[in-house]
Amino acid sequence: MKKALVIDGNSMVYRMFYASLNQLEYYKARNLQPANAIKLFLLVLLKILTQTKYDYALVAFDHQKKTLRHNEFAEYKAGRKPMPEDLFVQLPVLKELIEDLGVHVLSMEGIEADDIIGSYAKKNNKNGVEVDIFSSDKDMLQLVNELTVVNLMKTGISDIRKVSLETFKDNFFGLTPEQVNDFKGIAGDSSDNLMGVKGIGEVSAVNLLKQWGHLENIFENIDKLTPSQAAKFSCSKDHAMLCKKLSVIDRNVLDNVNIEYIFNGVNTKAIEKIISKYHFSGFDKYL
């Protein structure tokens, strides 16, 4: 069976940047453009590409402009700090080098990387292709199915948790992929500035979903909740439903796009050029 790789570019590049933050002084001391995130990202990418044989490969990035979710909720992701300038200047070079290695890069105006990833997975699954997703974003867990696995990048860069349909409940509170959005609708997500149901934490959210299945069912049976829970859900209904809606990954943004993103193996000449130009160590083993 053929396999496709899709990487959450923004999620990974942030992780690589902060994992190698101590290297920034090296570049600044020599008046060089920072390349710490570039180096670590490419090393991790090469490690992934050489550990498993992929027939297709894609790295998806967010577009710089606001997305459709901002139109739904103006305060979406309002609390996030802008990308550090030392990281921002590395992105154009990184994207070019990823392409040079033989892996496609894609971003779409108004569309988040999550939606590109979900749509790419759906498109491949439809053709019977297995999909490996790499991200640190738990929202991706809603994409897990018989053919799609999410590799959650945890602490640092070496701790990666593989979440398949078989191991899903062990990795997500005993819930199912179909309940990921319901969970976020209740518990919220501070990183996206989505508060969910105020006063209801993760433990209560999980217990309620195990009992009622989905957020809509909870509201339909609100009279069966404790008085305290009923009051909290009643006050937060509109926002909870909005949180759930915004967390749903759109899997249709590539429906009318003719893509394959065939991967024919790592371009070793590109690795040689990277070593020559940037003097990066650790790349020789991939030649």
C-alpha atoms as a PDB file:
ATOM      1  CA  MET A   1       0.000   0.000   0.000  1.00  0.00           C
ATOM      2  CA  LYS A   2       1.263   3.475  -0.873  1.00  0.00           C
ATOM      3  CA  LYS A   3       2.061   6.001   1.864  1.00  0.00           C
ATOM      4  CA  ALA A   4       1.895   9.792   2.035  1.00  0.00           C
ATOM      5  CA  LEU A   5       3.649  12.116   4.458  1.00  0.00           C
ATOM      6  CA  VAL A   6       2.227  15.494   5.436  1.00  0.00           C
ATOM      7  CA  ILE A   7       3.917  17.799   7.934  1.00  0.00           C
ATOM      8  CA  ASP A   8       2.390  20.715   9.822  1.00  0.00           C
ATOM      9  CA  GLY A   9       5.066  23.225   8.823  1.00  0.00           C
ATOM     10  CA  ASN A  10       4.193  25.987  11.278  1.00  0.00           C
ATOM     11  CA  SER A  11       3.894  23.615  14.196  1.00  0.00           C
ATOM     12  CA  MET A  12       7.237  21.990  13.444  1.00  0.00           C
ATOM     13  CA  VAL A  13       9.180  25.157  12.638  1.00  0.00           C
ATOM     14  CA  TYR A  14       8.194  26.758  15.954  1.00  0.00           C
ATOM     15  CA  ARG A  15       9.270  23.635  17.808  1.00  0.00           C
ATOM     16  CA  MET A  16      12.590  23.535  15.940  1.00  0.00           C
ATOM     17  CA  PHE A  17      13.223  27.234  16.559  1.00  0.00           C
ATOM     18  CA  TYR A  18      12.761  27.069  20.316  1.00  0.00           C
ATOM     19  CA  ALA A  19      14.548  23.723  20.620  1.00  0.00           C
ATOM     20  CA  SER A  20      17.668  25.354  19.139  1.00  0.00           C
ATOM     21  CA  LEU A  21      17.270  28.841  20.603  1.00  0.00           C
ATOM     22  CA  ASN A  22      20.739  28.728  22.181  1.00  0.00           C
ATOM     23  CA  GLN A  23      22.257  28.663  18.666  1.00  0.00           C
ATOM     24  CA  LEU A  24      20.945  32.144  17.829  1.00  0.00           C
ATOM     25  CA  GLU A  25      23.878  33.804  19.599  1.00  0.00           C
ATOM     26  CA  TYR A  26      26.258  32.036  17.216  1.00  0.00           C
ATOM     27  CA  TYR A  27      24.624  33.695  14.207  1.00  0.00           C
ATOM     28  CA  LYS A  28      24.255  37.092  15.850  1.00  0.00           C
ATOM     29  CA  ALA A  29      27.866  37.134  17.039  1.00  0.00           C
ATOM     30  CA  ARG A  30      29.012  36.587  13.436  1.00  0.00           C
ATOM     31  CA  ASN A  31      26.468  38.979  11.936  1.00  0.00           C
ATOM     32  CA  LEU A  32      24.842  36.082  10.041  1.00  0.00           C
ATOM     33  CA  GLN A  33      21.196  35.548   9.251  1.00  0.00           C
ATOM     34  CA  PRO A  34      19.776  33.057  11.765  1.00  0.00           C
ATOM     35  CA  ALA A  35      19.467  29.497  10.475  1.00  0.00           C
ATOM     36  CA  ASN A  36      18.916  27.456  13.645  1.00  0.00           C
ATOM     37  CA  ALA A  37      15.315  26.525  12.782  1.00  0.00           C
ATOM     38  CA  ILE A  38      16.293  25.763   9.183  1.00  0.00           C
ATOM     39  CA  LYS A  39      18.999  23.334  10.239  1.00  0.00           C
ATOM     40  CA  LEU A  40      16.951  21.437  12.804  1.00  0.00           C
ATOM     41  CA  PHE A  41      13.810  21.339  10.657  1.00  0.00           C
ATOM     42  CA  LEU A  42      15.715  19.857   7.720  1.00  0.00           C
ATOM     43  CA  LEU A  43      17.463  17.304   9.929  1.00  0.00           C
ATOM     44  CA  VAL A  44      14.151  16.133  11.389  1.00  0.00           C
ATOM     45  CA  LEU A  45      12.580  16.075   7.927  1.00  0.00           C
ATOM     46  CA  LEU A  46      15.422  13.956   6.555  1.00  0.00           C
ATOM     47  CA  LYS A  47      15.171  11.589   9.511  1.00  0.00           C
ATOM     48  CA  ILE A  48      11.438  11.116   8.859  1.00  0.00           C
ATOM     49  CA  LEU A  49      11.954  10.624   5.125  1.00  0.00           C
ATOM     50  CA  THR A  50      14.659   8.002   5.608  1.00  0.00           C
ATOM     51  CA  GLN A  51      12.906   6.021   8.345  1.00  0.00           C
ATOM     52  CA  THR A  52       9.849   5.294   6.197  1.00  0.00           C
ATOM     53  CA  LYS A  53       9.425   4.968   2.452  1.00  0.00           C
ATOM     54  CA  TYR A  54       6.915   7.548   1.229  1.00  0.00           C
ATOM     55  CA  ASP A  55       5.371   7.797  -2.215  1.00  0.00           C
ATOM     56  CA  TYR A  56       4.006  11.289  -1.627  1.00  0.00           C
ATOM     57  CA  ALA A  57       5.178  14.124   0.614  1.00  0.00           C
ATOM     58  CA  LEU A  58       3.948  17.598   1.530  1.00  0.00           C
ATOM     59  CA  VAL A  59       4.769  20.299   4.078  1.00  0.00           C
ATOM     60  CA  ALA A  60       1.820  22.628   4.722  1.00  0.00           C
ATOM     61  CA  PHE A  61       2.234  26.159   6.091  1.00  0.00           C
ATOM     62  CA  ASP A  62      -0.243  28.770   7.273  1.00  0.00           C
ATOM     63  CA  HIS A  63      -0.690  31.766   4.978  1.00  0.00           C
ATOM     64  CA  GLN A  64       0.418  35.127   6.350  1.00  0.00           C
ATOM     65  CA  LYS A  65      -3.008  36.699   5.846  1.00  0.00           C
ATOM     66  CA  LYS A  66      -5.990  36.140   8.135  1.00  0.00           C
ATOM     67  CA  THR A  67      -8.040  33.009   7.602  1.00  0.00           C
ATOM     68  CA  LEU A  68     -11.728  32.317   7.163  1.00  0.00           C
ATOM     69  CA  ARG A  69     -11.970  31.521  10.885  1.00  0.00           C
ATOM     70  CA  HIS A  70     -11.122  35.136  11.677  1.00  0.00           C
ATOM     71  CA  ASN A  71     -14.237  36.124   9.737  1.00  0.00           C
ATOM     72  CA  GLU A  72     -16.274  33.828  12.003  1.00  0.00           C
ATOM     73  CA  PHE A  73     -14.663  35.040  15.232  1.00  0.00           C
ATOM     74  CA  ALA A  74     -12.639  38.281  15.192  1.00  0.00           C
ATOM     75  CA  GLU A  75     -10.790  37.321  18.382  1.00  0.00           C
ATOM     76  CA  TYR A  76      -9.615  33.976  16.983  1.00  0.00           C
ATOM     77  CA  LYS A  77      -6.003  33.397  18.099  1.00  0.00           C
ATOM     78  CA  ALA A  78      -5.950  36.989  19.405  1.00  0.00           C
ATOM     79  CA  GLY A  79      -3.712  36.117  22.339  1.00  0.00           C
ATOM     80  CA  ARG A  80      -0.887  34.691  20.229  1.00  0.00           C
ATOM     81  CA  LYS A  81       2.305  36.657  19.955  1.00  0.00           C
ATOM     82  CA  PRO A  82       3.562  37.433  16.445  1.00  0.00           C
ATOM     83  CA  MET A  83       6.227  35.138  15.030  1.00  0.00           C
ATOM     84  CA  PRO A  84       9.687  36.189  16.302  1.00  0.00           C
ATOM     85  CA  GLU A  85      11.590  38.135  13.648  1.00  0.00           C
ATOM     86  CA  ASP A  86      14.552  35.762  14.004  1.00  0.00           C
ATOM     87  CA  LEU A  87      12.248  32.938  12.925  1.00  0.00           C
ATOM     88  CA  PHE A  88      10.252  34.879  10.335  1.00  0.00           C
ATOM     89  CA  VAL A  89      13.372  35.643   8.267  1.00  0.00           C
ATOM     90  CA  GLN A  90      14.182  31.930   8.095  1.00  0.00           C
ATOM     91  CA  LEU A  91      10.881  30.839   6.559  1.00  0.00           C
ATOM     92  CA  PRO A  92      11.471  31.779   2.889  1.00  0.00           C
ATOM     93  CA  VAL A  93      14.841  30.034   2.869  1.00  0.00           C
ATOM     94  CA  LEU A  94      13.465  26.988   4.672  1.00  0.00           C
ATOM     95  CA  LYS A  95      10.590  26.578   2.217  1.00  0.00           C
ATOM     96  CA  GLU A  96      12.995  26.806  -0.721  1.00  0.00           C
ATOM     97  CA  LEU A  97      15.321  24.192   0.761  1.00  0.00           C
ATOM     98  CA  ILE A  98      12.428  21.816   1.504  1.00  0.00           C
ATOM     99  CA  GLU A  99      11.448  22.016  -2.169  1.00  0.00           C
ATOM    100  CA  ASP A 100      15.075  21.461  -3.194  1.00  0.00           C
ATOM    101  CA  LEU A 101      15.119  18.230  -1.201  1.00  0.00           C
ATOM    102  CA  GLY A 102      12.191  16.960  -3.256  1.00  0.00           C
ATOM    103  CA  VAL A 103       9.301  17.666  -0.886  1.00  0.00           C
ATOM    104  CA  HIS A 104       6.446  19.940  -1.951  1.00  0.00           C
ATOM    105  CA  VAL A 105       5.439  22.999   0.094  1.00  0.00           C
ATOM    106  CA  LEU A 106       1.923  24.416   0.085  1.00  0.00           C
ATOM    107  CA  SER A 107       0.125  27.384   1.649  1.00  0.00           C
ATOM    108  CA  MET A 108      -3.176  28.915   0.532  1.00  0.00           C
ATOM    109  CA  GLU A 109      -4.534  32.398   1.164  1.00  0.00           C
ATOM    110  CA  GLY A 110      -7.351  32.378   3.714  1.00  0.00           C
ATOM    111  CA  ILE A 111      -6.723  28.711   4.546  1.00  0.00           C
ATOM    112  CA  GLU A 112      -4.965  27.314   7.604  1.00  0.00           C
ATOM    113  CA  ALA A 113      -2.375  24.588   7.324  1.00  0.00           C
ATOM    114  CA  ASP A 114      -4.733  22.346   9.346  1.00  0.00           C
ATOM    115  CA  ASP A 115      -7.286  22.457   6.527  1.00  0.00           C
ATOM    116  CA  ILE A 116      -4.666  21.723   3.874  1.00  0.00           C
ATOM    117  CA  ILE A 117      -3.473  18.748   5.922  1.00  0.00           C
ATOM    118  CA  GLY A 118      -6.988  17.427   6.509  1.00  0.00           C
ATOM    119  CA  SER A 119      -7.897  17.814   2.837  1.00  0.00           C
ATOM    120  CA  TYR A 120      -4.650  16.200   1.692  1.00  0.00           C
ATOM    121  CA  ALA A 121      -5.244  13.253   4.028  1.00  0.00           C
ATOM    122  CA  LYS A 122      -8.817  12.860   2.787  1.00  0.00           C
ATOM    123  CA  LYS A 123      -7.716  13.003  -0.860  1.00  0.00           C
ATOM    124  CA  ASN A 124      -5.074  10.320  -0.300  1.00  0.00           C
ATOM    125  CA  ASN A 125      -7.341   8.125   1.822  1.00  0.00           C
ATOM    126  CA  LYS A 126      -9.928   8.213  -0.941  1.00  0.00           C
ATOM    127  CA  ASN A 127      -7.312   6.649  -3.221  1.00  0.00           C
ATOM    128  CA  GLY A 128      -6.416   3.997  -0.652  1.00  0.00           C
ATOM    129  CA  VAL A 129      -3.192   5.745   0.411  1.00  0.00           C
ATOM    130  CA  GLU A 130      -2.038   5.588   4.036  1.00  0.00           C
ATOM    131  CA  VAL A 131      -1.182   8.989   5.542  1.00  0.00           C
ATOM    132  CA  ASP A 132       1.334   9.927   8.249  1.00  0.00           C
ATOM    133  CA  ILE A 133       0.751  13.370   9.790  1.00  0.00           C
ATOM    134  CA  PHE A 134       3.432  15.043  11.903  1.00  0.00           C
ATOM    135  CA  SER A 135       2.319  17.897  14.166  1.00  0.00           C
ATOM    136  CA  SER A 136       2.257  19.061  17.778  1.00  0.00           C
ATOM    137  CA  ASP A 137      -1.345  20.265  17.414  1.00  0.00           C
ATOM    138  CA  LYS A 138      -3.874  17.937  19.085  1.00  0.00           C
ATOM    139  CA  ASP A 139      -6.574  19.273  16.736  1.00  0.00           C
ATOM    140  CA  MET A 140      -5.039  16.924  14.160  1.00  0.00           C
ATOM    141  CA  LEU A 141      -6.304  13.956  16.159  1.00  0.00           C
ATOM    142  CA  GLN A 142      -9.749  14.387  14.594  1.00  0.00           C
ATOM    143  CA  LEU A 143      -8.167  13.169  11.336  1.00  0.00           C
ATOM    144  CA  VAL A 144      -7.199   9.752  12.687  1.00  0.00           C
ATOM    145  CA  ASN A 145      -8.902   6.869  10.892  1.00  0.00           C
ATOM    146  CA  GLU A 146      -8.131   3.429   9.458  1.00  0.00           C
ATOM    147  CA  LEU A 147      -5.646   4.929   6.983  1.00  0.00           C
ATOM    148  CA  THR A 148      -4.410   8.038   8.802  1.00  0.00           C
ATOM    149  CA  VAL A 149      -2.004   8.187  11.744  1.00  0.00           C
ATOM    150  CA  VAL A 150      -1.062  11.349  13.644  1.00  0.00           C
ATOM    151  CA  ASN A 151       2.472  11.576  15.037  1.00  0.00           C
ATOM    152  CA  LEU A 152       2.237  14.049  17.912  1.00  0.00           C
ATOM    153  CA  MET A 153       5.502  15.835  18.563  1.00  0.00           C
ATOM    154  CA  LYS A 154       5.688  16.169  22.327  1.00  0.00           C
ATOM    155  CA  THR A 155       8.517  17.532  24.493  1.00  0.00           C
ATOM    156  CA  GLY A 156      11.563  18.587  22.487  1.00  0.00           C
ATOM    157  CA  ILE A 157      12.118  16.824  19.166  1.00  0.00           C
ATOM    158  CA  SER A 158      12.739  13.214  20.146  1.00  0.00           C
ATOM    159  CA  ASP A 159       9.455  12.434  21.918  1.00  0.00           C
ATOM    160  CA  ILE A 160       6.916  11.628  19.208  1.00  0.00           C
ATOM    161  CA  ARG A 161       3.698   9.805  20.080  1.00  0.00           C
ATOM    162  CA  LYS A 162       2.119   7.785  17.284  1.00  0.00           C
ATOM    163  CA  VAL A 163      -1.667   7.917  17.528  1.00  0.00           C
ATOM    164  CA  SER A 164      -3.581   5.425  15.393  1.00  0.00           C
ATOM    165  CA  LEU A 165      -7.213   4.378  15.493  1.00  0.00           C
ATOM    166  CA  GLU A 166      -6.207   1.390  17.643  1.00  0.00           C
ATOM    167  CA  THR A 167      -4.380   3.507  20.229  1.00  0.00           C
ATOM    168  CA  PHE A 168      -6.610   6.581  20.067  1.00  0.00           C
ATOM    169  CA  LYS A 169      -8.590   6.130  23.284  1.00  0.00           C
ATOM    170  CA  ASP A 170      -5.368   5.562  25.232  1.00  0.00           C
ATOM    171  CA  ASN A 171      -4.020   8.874  23.959  1.00  0.00           C
ATOM    172  CA  PHE A 172      -7.122  11.070  24.144  1.00  0.00           C
ATOM    173  CA  PHE A 173      -9.026  10.626  27.389  1.00  0.00           C
ATOM    174  CA  GLY A 174     -10.835   7.487  26.228  1.00  0.00           C
ATOM    175  CA  LEU A 175     -12.695   9.460  23.559  1.00  0.00           C
ATOM    176  CA  THR A 176     -12.922   8.943  19.794  1.00  0.00           C
ATOM    177  CA  PRO A 177     -11.667  11.064  16.849  1.00  0.00           C
ATOM    178  CA  GLU A 178     -15.276  12.162  16.258  1.00  0.00           C
ATOM    179  CA  GLN A 179     -15.352  13.715  19.755  1.00  0.00           C
ATOM    180  CA  VAL A 180     -12.225  15.873  19.447  1.00  0.00           C
ATOM    181  CA  ASN A 181     -14.250  18.905  18.335  1.00  0.00           C
ATOM    182  CA  ASP A 182     -16.858  18.346  21.050  1.00  0.00           C
ATOM    183  CA  PHE A 183     -14.082  18.262  23.641  1.00  0.00           C
ATOM    184  CA  LYS A 184     -12.693  21.558  22.373  1.00  0.00           C
ATOM    185  CA  GLY A 185     -16.177  23.075  22.337  1.00  0.00           C
ATOM    186  CA  ILE A 186     -16.439  22.364  26.062  1.00  0.00           C
ATOM    187  CA  ALA A 187     -12.860  22.637  27.374  1.00  0.00           C
ATOM    188  CA  GLY A 188     -11.816  25.354  24.897  1.00  0.00           C
ATOM    189  CA  ASP A 189      -8.306  26.087  23.714  1.00  0.00           C
ATOM    190  CA  SER A 190      -6.494  29.095  25.164  1.00  0.00           C
ATOM    191  CA  SER A 191      -3.918  29.052  22.341  1.00  0.00           C
ATOM    192  CA  ASP A 192      -6.743  29.834  19.885  1.00  0.00           C
ATOM    193  CA  ASN A 193      -8.463  32.209  22.345  1.00  0.00           C
ATOM    194  CA  LEU A 194     -11.436  29.834  22.553  1.00  0.00           C
ATOM    195  CA  MET A 195     -12.792  29.541  26.083  1.00  0.00           C
ATOM    196  CA  GLY A 196     -15.405  26.809  25.598  1.00  0.00           C
ATOM    197  CA  VAL A 197     -17.810  26.437  28.520  1.00  0.00           C
ATOM    198  CA  LYS A 198     -16.571  28.665  31.315  1.00  0.00           C
ATOM    199  CA  GLY A 199     -16.063  26.733  34.523  1.00  0.00           C
ATOM    200  CA  ILE A 200     -16.037  23.274  32.922  1.00  0.00           C
ATOM    201  CA  GLY A 201     -12.588  21.693  32.853  1.00  0.00           C
ATOM    202  CA  GLU A 202     -11.131  18.767  30.944  1.00  0.00           C
ATOM    203  CA  VAL A 203     -12.168  16.070  33.427  1.00  0.00           C
ATOM    204  CA  SER A 204     -15.796  17.170  33.448  1.00  0.00           C
ATOM    205  CA  ALA A 205     -15.761  17.601  29.661  1.00  0.00           C
ATOM    206  CA  VAL A 206     -14.554  14.020  29.204  1.00  0.00           C
ATOM    207  CA  ASN A 207     -17.101  12.597  31.649  1.00  0.00           C
ATOM    208  CA  LEU A 208     -19.959  14.445  29.972  1.00  0.00           C
ATOM    209  CA  LEU A 209     -18.900  13.339  26.511  1.00  0.00           C
ATOM    210  CA  LYS A 210     -18.614   9.734  27.629  1.00  0.00           C
ATOM    211  CA  GLN A 211     -22.168  10.001  28.914  1.00  0.00           C
ATOM    212  CA  TRP A 212     -23.789  12.038  26.133  1.00  0.00           C
ATOM    213  CA  GLY A 213     -21.520  11.515  23.119  1.00  0.00           C
ATOM    214  CA  HIS A 214     -21.575  14.989  21.587  1.00  0.00           C
ATOM    215  CA  LEU A 215     -21.951  18.627  22.588  1.00  0.00           C
ATOM    216  CA  GLU A 216     -25.363  18.940  20.939  1.00  0.00           C
ATOM    217  CA  ASN A 217     -26.653  16.003  22.984  1.00  0.00           C
ATOM    218  CA  ILE A 218     -25.510  17.677  26.186  1.00  0.00           C
ATOM    219  CA  PHE A 219     -27.544  20.778  25.389  1.00  0.00           C
ATOM    220  CA  GLU A 220     -30.546  18.628  24.472  1.00  0.00           C
ATOM    221  CA  ASN A 221     -30.311  16.977  27.890  1.00  0.00           C
ATOM    222  CA  ILE A 222     -29.257  20.020  29.873  1.00  0.00           C
ATOM    223  CA  ASP A 223     -32.057  19.423  32.377  1.00  0.00           C
ATOM    224  CA  LYS A 224     -30.332  16.173  33.356  1.00  0.00           C
ATOM    225  CA  LEU A 225     -27.073  17.898  34.332  1.00  0.00           C
ATOM    226  CA  THR A 226     -26.322  19.098  37.840  1.00  0.00           C
ATOM    227  CA  PRO A 227     -27.741  22.598  38.499  1.00  0.00           C
ATOM    228  CA  SER A 228     -24.226  24.028  38.478  1.00  0.00           C
ATOM    229  CA  GLN A 229     -23.293  22.399  35.163  1.00  0.00           C
ATOM    230  CA  ALA A 230     -26.619  23.313  33.582  1.00  0.00           C
ATOM    231  CA  ALA A 231     -26.104  26.965  34.482  1.00  0.00           C
ATOM    232  CA  LYS A 232     -22.591  26.989  33.031  1.00  0.00           C
ATOM    233  CA  PHE A 233     -23.662  25.364  29.771  1.00  0.00           C
ATOM    234  CA  SER A 234     -26.672  27.657  29.443  1.00  0.00           C
ATOM    235  CA  CYS A 235     -24.508  30.767  29.782  1.00  0.00           C
ATOM    236  CA  SER A 236     -21.927  29.527  27.279  1.00  0.00           C
ATOM    237  CA  LYS A 237     -24.051  27.813  24.632  1.00  0.00           C
ATOM    238  CA  ASP A 238     -23.332  30.138  21.699  1.00  0.00           C
ATOM    239  CA  HIS A 239     -19.614  30.307  22.388  1.00  0.00           C
ATOM    240  CA  ALA A 240     -19.321  26.563  22.986  1.00  0.00           C
ATOM    241  CA  MET A 241     -20.977  25.788  19.667  1.00  0.00           C
ATOM    242  CA  LEU A 242     -18.726  28.362  17.964  1.00  0.00           C
ATOM    243  CA  CYS A 243     -15.622  26.795  19.553  1.00  0.00           C
ATOM    244  CA  LYS A 244     -16.652  23.407  18.217  1.00  0.00           C
ATOM    245  CA  LYS A 245     -17.328  24.804  14.747  1.00  0.00           C
ATOM    246  CA  LEU A 246     -13.997  26.640  14.557  1.00  0.00           C
ATOM    247  CA  SER A 247     -12.083  23.541  15.640  1.00  0.00           C
ATOM    248  CA  VAL A 248     -13.464  21.433  12.802  1.00  0.00           C
ATOM    249  CA  ILE A 249     -10.790  20.914  10.139  1.00  0.00           C
ATOM    250  CA  ASP A 250     -12.112  21.598   6.652  1.00  0.00           C
ATOM    251  CA  ARG A 251     -11.266  18.538   4.569  1.00  0.00           C
ATOM    252  CA  ASN A 252     -12.560  19.922   1.289  1.00  0.00           C
ATOM    253  CA  VAL A 253     -10.190  22.783   0.396  1.00  0.00           C
ATOM    254  CA  LEU A 254      -8.316  20.615  -2.134  1.00  0.00           C
ATOM    255  CA  ASP A 255     -11.365  19.028  -3.750  1.00  0.00           C
ATOM    256  CA  ASN A 256     -10.951  21.067  -6.931  1.00  0.00           C
ATOM    257  CA  VAL A 257      -7.149  21.092  -6.882  1.00  0.00           C
ATOM    258  CA  ASN A 258      -5.316  18.545  -9.019  1.00  0.00           C
ATOM    259  CA  ILE A 259      -2.450  17.457  -6.778  1.00  0.00           C
ATOM    260  CA  GLU A 260      -0.358  14.390  -6.085  1.00  0.00           C
ATOM    261  CA  TYR A 261       2.905  15.702  -4.652  1.00  0.00           C
ATOM    262  CA  ILE A 262       4.866  12.632  -5.677  1.00  0.00           C
ATOM    263  CA  PHE A 263       8.046  12.042  -3.688  1.00  0.00           C
ATOM    264  CA  ASN A 264      10.845  10.389  -5.626  1.00  0.00           C
ATOM    265  CA  GLY A 265      13.367  10.224  -2.817  1.00  0.00           C
ATOM    266  CA  VAL A 266      15.648  12.799  -1.222  1.00  0.00           C
ATOM    267  CA  ASN A 267      17.674  14.887  -3.647  1.00  0.00           C
ATOM    268  CA  THR A 268      21.219  14.233  -2.387  1.00  0.00           C
ATOM    269  CA  LYS A 269      22.647  17.001  -4.562  1.00  0.00           C
ATOM    270  CA  ALA A 270      20.504  19.440  -2.617  1.00  0.00           C
ATOM    271  CA  ILE A 271      21.990  18.095   0.625  1.00  0.00           C
ATOM    272  CA  GLU A 272      25.493  18.669  -0.755  1.00  0.00           C
ATOM    273  CA  LYS A 273      24.597  22.264  -1.618  1.00  0.00           C
ATOM    274  CA  ILE A 274      23.158  22.822   1.868  1.00  0.00           C
ATOM    275  CA  ILE A 275      26.347  21.529   3.489  1.00  0.00           C
ATOM    276  CA  SER A 276      28.504  23.656   1.201  1.00  0.00           C
ATOM    277  CA  LYS A 277      26.536  26.877   1.653  1.00  0.00           C
ATOM    278  CA  TYR A 278      25.561  26.711   5.322  1.00  0.00           C
ATOM    279  CA  HIS A 279      28.287  24.428   6.715  1.00  0.00           C
ATOM    280  CA  PHE A 280      25.656  22.482   8.621  1.00  0.00           C
ATOM    281  CA  SER A 281      26.860  19.408  10.490  1.00  0.00           C
ATOM    282  CA  GLY A 282      24.899  16.182  10.704  1.00  0.00           C
ATOM    283  CA  PHE A 283      23.777  16.108   7.077  1.00  0.00           C
ATOM    284  CA  ASP A 284      26.547  13.878   5.719  1.00  0.00           C
ATOM    285  CA  LYS A 285      24.803  10.705   6.942  1.00  0.00           C
ATOM    286  CA  TYR A 286      21.943  11.357   4.519  1.00  0.00           C
ATOM    287  CA  LEU A 287      24.140  11.453   1.414  1.00  0.00           C
END
